[in-house]
Amino acid sequence: MTTDEGCTISIEDNGTGFKEDDLKLVFDKFFRAWNAKTGGTGLGLSIAKGFADAMHGRIEVQNKPEGGAQFFVYLPAVSNSLSYNENE
């Protein structure tokens, strides 16, 4: 979704979601949820947050009522209207 202030990207899954206490930790380096499968280092979401922060945006997560998690990435952008003239 885009607005005059920027864009929002929504990503969701159908997994088990996160424990409420874990929601505030998911973007910490090396954090792995209690139900995480083997593999991975716990850096992916921390890196994603670093990118969002570097672009003056933010990333958030919430559990979906029907199960799973939903992530929102907000990125600011300047809207610009360009005009096109076929005679130029």
Protein backbone atom coordinates (compact mmCIF):
# COMPACT_ATOMS: atom_id res chain seq x y z
CA MET A 1 0.00 0.00 0.00
CA THR A 2 1.33 3.46 -0.80
CA THR A 3 0.45 6.82 0.72
CA ASP A 4 1.80 10.34 0.40
CA GLU A 5 4.26 9.52 3.21
CA GLY A 6 5.62 6.25 1.81
CA CYS A 7 4.69 2.61 1.45
CA THR A 8 3.75 -0.31 3.65
CA ILE A 9 4.71 -3.89 2.90
CA SER A 10 2.78 -6.62 4.69
CA ILE A 11 4.09 -10.19 4.98
CA GLU A 12 2.20 -12.90 6.80
CA ASP A 13 2.40 -16.62 7.45
CA ASN A 14 0.12 -19.36 8.70
CA GLY A 15 2.42 -20.72 11.39
CA THR A 16 1.86 -20.77 15.13
CA GLY A 17 2.76 -17.13 15.71
CA PHE A 18 4.87 -15.87 18.59
CA LYS A 19 4.43 -16.03 22.36
CA GLU A 20 3.41 -12.60 23.65
CA ASP A 21 6.71 -12.21 25.53
CA ASP A 22 8.65 -13.03 22.34
CA LEU A 23 6.98 -10.31 20.23
CA LYS A 24 9.22 -7.64 21.76
CA LEU A 25 12.34 -9.75 21.15
CA VAL A 26 11.96 -10.98 17.55
CA PHE A 27 14.15 -8.19 16.12
CA ASP A 28 16.99 -8.76 18.62
CA LYS A 29 20.21 -10.27 17.26
CA PHE A 30 20.41 -14.05 17.68
CA PHE A 31 16.86 -14.34 19.03
CA ARG A 32 15.16 -17.61 18.16
CA ALA A 33 11.56 -18.30 19.13
CA TRP A 34 10.72 -21.23 21.39
CA ASN A 35 9.20 -23.14 18.45
CA ALA A 36 11.93 -22.36 15.90
CA LYS A 37 13.04 -25.25 13.75
CA THR A 38 16.70 -26.17 13.69
CA GLY A 39 18.93 -24.08 11.48
CA GLY A 40 19.32 -20.35 11.17
CA THR A 41 21.22 -17.99 13.40
CA GLY A 42 18.54 -15.58 14.54
CA LEU A 43 19.94 -12.70 12.50
CA GLY A 44 17.44 -12.33 9.64
CA LEU A 45 14.84 -10.16 11.38
CA SER A 46 17.56 -8.10 13.07
CA ILE A 47 19.09 -7.39 9.65
CA ALA A 48 15.65 -6.51 8.23
CA LYS A 49 15.14 -4.06 11.12
CA GLY A 50 18.57 -2.56 10.43
CA PHE A 51 17.63 -1.92 6.80
CA ALA A 52 14.29 -0.38 7.77
CA ASP A 53 15.97 1.84 10.39
CA ALA A 54 18.66 2.92 7.89
CA MET A 55 15.90 4.12 5.54
CA HIS A 56 14.15 5.98 8.40
CA GLY A 57 11.34 3.43 8.36
CA ARG A 58 10.27 0.76 10.78
CA ILE A 59 9.27 -2.89 10.96
CA GLU A 60 6.63 -4.34 13.28
CA VAL A 61 5.15 -7.76 13.98
CA GLN A 62 1.87 -8.95 15.41
CA ASN A 63 0.13 -12.28 15.81
CA LYS A 64 -2.89 -12.86 13.58
CA PRO A 65 -6.09 -13.83 15.42
CA GLU A 66 -6.46 -16.96 13.28
CA GLY A 67 -2.84 -17.99 13.88
CA GLY A 68 0.46 -17.06 12.34
CA ALA A 69 2.33 -13.78 12.33
CA GLN A 70 2.06 -10.64 10.24
CA PHE A 71 4.97 -8.27 9.65
CA PHE A 72 4.62 -4.68 8.49
CA VAL A 73 7.50 -2.76 6.92
CA TYR A 74 6.92 1.00 6.69
CA LEU A 75 9.26 2.91 4.38
CA PRO A 76 9.05 6.66 3.92
CA ALA A 77 9.16 8.00 0.40
CA VAL A 78 8.70 11.32 -1.28
CA SER A 79 5.98 11.26 -3.88
CA ASN A 80 6.79 13.06 -7.05
CA SER A 81 4.64 13.66 -10.08
CA LEU A 82 6.40 13.70 -13.40
CA SER A 83 4.91 15.21 -16.48
CA TYR A 84 5.40 13.70 -19.87
CA ASN A 85 5.29 15.73 -23.03
CA GLU A 86 5.47 13.87 -26.34
CA ASN A 87 6.76 17.00 -28.11
CA GLU A 88 9.97 17.20 -26.08
